[in-house]
Protein backbone atom coordinates (compact mmCIF):
# COMPACT_ATOMS: atom_id res chain seq x y z
CA MET A 1 130.67 130.57 83.38
CA ALA A 2 131.77 126.99 84.08
CA ALA A 3 133.56 126.53 87.41
CA LEU A 4 136.95 125.83 85.79
CA GLU A 5 136.71 128.06 82.74
CA GLY A 6 140.19 129.17 81.65
CA LYS A 7 141.98 126.62 83.83
CA THR A 8 144.43 124.00 82.57
CA ALA A 9 144.83 120.54 84.09
CA LEU A 10 147.13 117.54 83.85
CA VAL A 11 145.79 114.14 84.97
CA THR A 12 148.18 111.20 85.29
CA GLY A 13 146.84 107.72 84.67
CA GLY A 14 144.29 109.52 82.54
CA ALA A 15 143.47 106.54 80.32
CA GLY A 16 142.14 104.29 83.10
CA ARG A 17 138.50 104.22 84.18
CA ILE A 18 138.92 106.68 87.05
CA GLY A 19 141.40 108.82 85.13
CA ARG A 20 139.05 109.11 82.15
CA ALA A 21 136.18 110.13 84.41
CA ILE A 22 138.34 112.80 86.07
CA CYS A 23 139.48 114.18 82.71
CA ALA A 24 135.93 114.24 81.36
CA ARG A 25 134.56 116.00 84.44
CA LEU A 26 137.26 118.67 84.51
CA ALA A 27 136.69 119.34 80.81
CA ALA A 28 132.93 119.49 81.35
CA ASP A 29 133.56 122.10 84.04
CA GLY A 30 135.49 124.23 81.56
CA ALA A 31 139.13 123.18 81.96
CA ARG A 32 141.57 122.23 79.22
CA VAL A 33 142.94 118.82 80.09
CA MET A 34 146.11 116.91 79.31
CA VAL A 35 145.34 113.19 79.46
CA ALA A 36 148.71 111.76 80.52
CA ASP A 37 149.27 108.03 80.66
CA LEU A 38 151.97 105.41 80.20
CA ASP A 39 149.81 104.07 77.34
CA ARG A 40 149.81 106.93 74.84
CA ASP A 41 147.33 105.22 72.49
CA ARG A 42 144.71 104.81 75.21
CA ALA A 43 145.33 108.40 76.30
CA ALA A 44 144.71 109.57 72.73
CA VAL A 45 141.38 107.72 72.66
CA ALA A 46 140.34 109.32 75.95
CA ALA A 47 141.38 112.78 74.76
CA GLY A 48 139.53 112.25 71.48
CA GLN A 49 136.34 111.44 73.40
CA ILE A 50 136.61 114.75 75.25
CA GLY A 51 137.29 116.83 72.16
CA ALA A 52 139.12 120.05 71.41
CA ASN A 53 139.80 120.92 75.05
CA ALA A 54 141.98 117.82 75.60
CA MET A 55 145.37 116.59 74.46
CA ALA A 56 147.14 113.26 75.04
CA MET A 57 150.67 112.71 76.28
CA ALA A 58 152.74 109.64 77.11
CA LEU A 59 153.99 109.93 80.68
CA ASP A 60 155.93 107.53 82.86
CA VAL A 61 155.30 109.23 86.21
CA ALA A 62 158.55 107.94 87.72
CA ASP A 63 160.67 109.50 84.95
CA GLU A 64 161.86 113.07 85.53
CA ALA A 65 162.54 113.70 81.84
CA ALA A 66 159.01 112.58 80.98
CA TRP A 67 157.58 115.07 83.47
CA ARG A 68 159.63 117.88 81.97
CA ALA A 69 158.43 116.98 78.48
CA ALA A 70 154.78 116.80 79.54
CA LEU A 71 154.86 120.16 81.28
CA ASP A 72 156.81 121.80 78.47
CA THR A 73 154.14 120.57 76.05
CA LEU A 74 151.27 121.72 78.26
CA THR A 75 152.67 125.17 78.98
CA GLY A 76 153.73 125.59 75.39
CA ALA A 77 150.16 124.97 74.25
CA TRP A 78 148.18 126.57 77.08
CA GLY A 79 150.60 128.85 78.92
CA ARG A 80 150.27 127.56 82.49
CA LEU A 81 149.33 124.68 84.76
CA ASP A 82 146.51 125.29 87.25
CA ILE A 83 145.46 121.78 88.27
CA LEU A 84 147.48 118.58 88.71
CA VAL A 85 145.83 115.28 89.59
CA ASN A 86 148.36 112.59 90.54
CA ASN A 87 146.07 109.66 89.77
CA ALA A 88 148.42 107.05 88.25
CA GLY A 89 148.76 104.00 90.46
CA LEU A 90 149.90 100.39 90.58
CA LEU A 91 148.49 97.52 92.64
CA LYS A 92 149.89 93.98 92.61
CA PRO A 93 148.03 91.77 95.12
CA ALA A 94 150.46 89.70 97.20
CA THR A 95 150.89 89.13 100.93
CA ILE A 96 154.18 89.83 102.67
CA GLU A 97 155.10 86.16 102.18
CA GLU A 98 154.21 86.17 98.48
CA ALA A 99 155.44 89.60 97.40
CA THR A 100 158.88 89.97 95.89
CA LEU A 101 161.29 92.85 96.30
CA ASP A 102 160.63 93.66 92.64
CA ASP A 103 156.88 93.90 93.42
CA TRP A 104 157.62 96.27 96.29
CA ARG A 105 159.93 98.45 94.23
CA ALA A 106 157.57 98.58 91.24
CA THR A 107 154.67 99.67 93.47
CA LEU A 108 156.70 102.31 95.30
CA ARG A 109 158.13 103.53 91.99
CA VAL A 110 154.72 104.40 90.57
CA ASN A 111 152.74 105.32 93.68
CA GLY A 112 155.58 106.89 95.65
CA ASP A 113 158.16 108.21 93.19
CA GLY A 114 155.44 109.19 90.72
CA THR A 115 153.51 111.27 93.23
CA PHE A 116 156.71 112.81 94.59
CA LEU A 117 157.80 113.90 91.11
CA GLY A 118 154.31 115.14 90.31
CA CYS A 119 154.34 117.34 93.41
CA LYS A 120 157.89 118.51 92.74
CA PHE A 121 157.22 119.53 89.14
CA GLY A 122 153.70 120.70 89.92
CA VAL A 123 154.86 123.12 92.61
CA ALA A 124 157.55 124.48 90.28
CA ALA A 125 154.99 125.05 87.53
CA MET A 126 152.42 126.65 89.85
CA ARG A 127 154.75 128.66 92.08
CA ALA A 128 154.17 132.00 90.37
CA ALA A 129 150.42 131.94 89.79
CA GLY A 130 149.10 129.28 92.19
CA GLY A 131 147.09 126.15 91.64
CA VAL A 132 145.80 122.92 93.14
CA ILE A 133 147.41 119.48 93.39
CA VAL A 134 145.24 116.46 94.19
CA ASN A 135 147.09 113.29 95.12
CA LEU A 136 145.19 110.02 94.89
CA SER A 137 145.85 108.03 98.05
CA SER A 138 143.46 105.27 99.17
CA SER A 139 141.37 104.09 102.08
CA MET A 140 144.01 101.34 102.23
CA GLY A 141 146.47 104.05 103.21
CA VAL A 142 144.46 104.33 106.44
CA ARG A 143 143.29 100.76 107.06
CA ALA A 144 145.68 98.10 105.79
CA GLN A 145 144.75 94.86 104.08
CA ALA A 146 146.81 91.70 104.34
CA ARG A 147 147.10 91.14 100.57
CA HIS A 148 148.53 94.59 99.84
CA PRO A 149 151.57 95.51 101.97
CA ALA A 150 153.31 97.47 99.21
CA TYR A 151 150.18 99.28 98.05
CA CYS A 152 149.09 100.17 101.60
CA ALA A 153 152.55 101.48 102.45
CA SER A 154 152.74 103.54 99.27
CA LYS A 155 149.33 105.11 99.79
CA ALA A 156 150.09 105.95 103.41
CA ALA A 157 153.24 107.65 102.13
CA VAL A 158 151.13 109.73 99.72
CA ARG A 159 149.09 111.07 102.63
CA LEU A 160 152.13 112.34 104.55
CA LEU A 161 153.80 113.61 101.38
CA THR A 162 150.66 115.64 100.74
CA GLN A 163 150.79 117.18 104.20
CA SER A 164 154.47 118.05 103.84
CA VAL A 165 154.01 119.68 100.44
CA ALA A 166 150.94 121.62 101.64
CA LYS A 167 152.90 122.94 104.63
CA HIS A 168 155.84 123.89 102.42
CA CYS A 169 153.62 125.83 100.03
CA GLY A 170 151.95 127.63 102.93
CA GLU A 171 155.24 128.54 104.57
CA ARG A 172 156.62 129.87 101.28
CA GLY A 173 153.50 131.89 100.59
CA TYR A 174 152.65 129.99 97.41
CA ALA A 175 148.96 130.04 96.49
CA ILE A 176 149.04 126.27 95.99
CA ARG A 177 146.65 123.91 97.75
CA VAL A 178 147.58 120.22 98.04
CA VAL A 179 144.98 117.61 99.03
CA ALA A 180 145.00 113.81 99.37
CA LEU A 181 141.86 112.16 98.00
CA LEU A 182 141.24 108.70 99.48
CA PRO A 183 138.87 106.53 97.44
CA GLY A 184 137.33 103.43 98.95
CA PRO A 185 136.36 100.42 96.83
CA VAL A 186 135.58 101.73 93.35
CA ASP A 187 134.43 99.47 90.53
CA SER A 188 137.54 99.76 88.39
CA GLU A 189 140.24 97.75 86.67
CA MET A 190 142.33 97.97 89.85
CA LEU A 191 139.59 96.57 92.09
CA ARG A 192 139.00 93.66 89.74
CA ARG A 193 142.69 92.76 89.92
CA ASN A 194 142.05 91.89 93.57
CA VAL A 195 139.75 88.97 92.75
CA PRO A 196 141.37 85.90 94.37
CA ASP A 197 142.07 82.83 92.28
CA GLY A 198 139.10 80.50 92.16
CA ARG A 199 136.47 83.20 92.77
CA SER A 200 134.24 84.94 90.26
CA ASP A 201 134.26 88.70 89.81
CA ALA A 202 130.59 88.87 90.75
CA ASP A 203 131.07 86.94 94.00
CA TYR A 204 134.07 88.99 95.05
CA LEU A 205 132.46 92.34 94.22
CA ALA A 206 129.32 91.35 96.14
CA GLU A 207 131.47 90.62 99.19
CA VAL A 208 133.20 93.99 98.94
CA ARG A 209 129.87 95.74 98.45
CA ARG A 210 128.54 94.27 101.71
CA ARG A 211 131.35 96.03 103.60
CA VAL A 212 130.34 99.49 102.32
CA PRO A 213 127.76 101.24 104.53
CA VAL A 214 126.12 103.11 101.64
CA GLY A 215 125.38 99.73 100.04
CA ARG A 216 127.22 100.02 96.75
CA LEU A 217 130.66 100.20 95.22
CA GLY A 218 132.06 103.56 94.30
CA ARG A 219 131.83 104.76 90.72
CA ALA A 220 134.55 106.51 88.77
CA GLU A 221 132.21 109.50 88.58
CA ASP A 222 132.15 109.71 92.40
CA ILE A 223 135.90 110.24 92.40
CA ALA A 224 135.73 112.67 89.49
CA GLY A 225 133.09 114.72 91.30
CA ALA A 226 135.25 114.92 94.41
CA VAL A 227 138.24 116.06 92.34
CA ALA A 228 136.10 118.70 90.62
CA TYR A 229 135.06 120.05 94.00
CA LEU A 230 138.56 120.04 95.48
CA VAL A 231 140.08 121.97 92.57
CA SER A 232 137.27 124.53 92.52
CA ASP A 233 137.05 127.81 94.42
CA GLN A 234 134.43 126.20 96.67
CA ALA A 235 137.28 124.27 98.32
CA SER A 236 139.59 127.27 98.70
CA PHE A 237 140.00 126.68 102.46
CA ILE A 238 140.98 123.01 102.09
CA THR A 239 144.63 121.97 101.98
CA GLY A 240 146.89 119.32 103.47
CA THR A 241 144.03 117.05 104.47
CA ASP A 242 142.70 113.56 103.75
CA PHE A 243 139.47 113.79 101.76
CA MET A 244 137.66 110.46 102.13
CA VAL A 245 135.41 109.25 99.30
CA ASP A 246 134.79 105.73 100.52
CA GLY A 247 131.07 105.21 101.15
CA GLY A 248 131.92 104.83 104.83
CA SER A 249 134.01 101.72 104.26
CA THR A 250 136.76 102.82 106.67
CA LEU A 251 134.33 103.29 109.59
């Protein structure tokens, strides 16, 4: 039997490169997956690539009504939620002198409010039967970078939110594990948004690669594999922790 046979999962930001890889891996391991994304059309394409065990849903992660609708749809179709991956994120490169208050609020809305609401609704949906919540933080939530004050702050917040929710679930006796997954530099749309003006993608990515001890950028599949492990029974003694998947880049 596949490791996640009979399980149901919801992945936010499911239409992006990392989100698609997570959805595909969970489905390959036997789970039914809701591909949730702000862009419903892209989510539908991703779900179509997976097949019968996937459905697409439009989801603005900072909108409470949208969360209710997504979970009503999922539980109506599949009965229960076992796995939630809060993967949706926003990064807008700008130093503290360049960033606007609107930039700050937009970043905290998606990365902070979105993860908070995911945990809130996820715990409510899993309270009776248990489950696993994986929150995507970042290595930049541990080691800050000058061009990303809002992003770094939001991802540090995700780490402490994860710990608080994990403690709450333990104290209440809920069989819910909550883990923060911290990717390092992964070749993705988000990383390529960091390329400074006047530099080529190839030059910038080569510079980032040199800072990674394993000698390469992360792949979306690396993150998907870590998620698959964390939501499996093999990780049943892991909760409330930072799970680094960074190629050693924070050393």
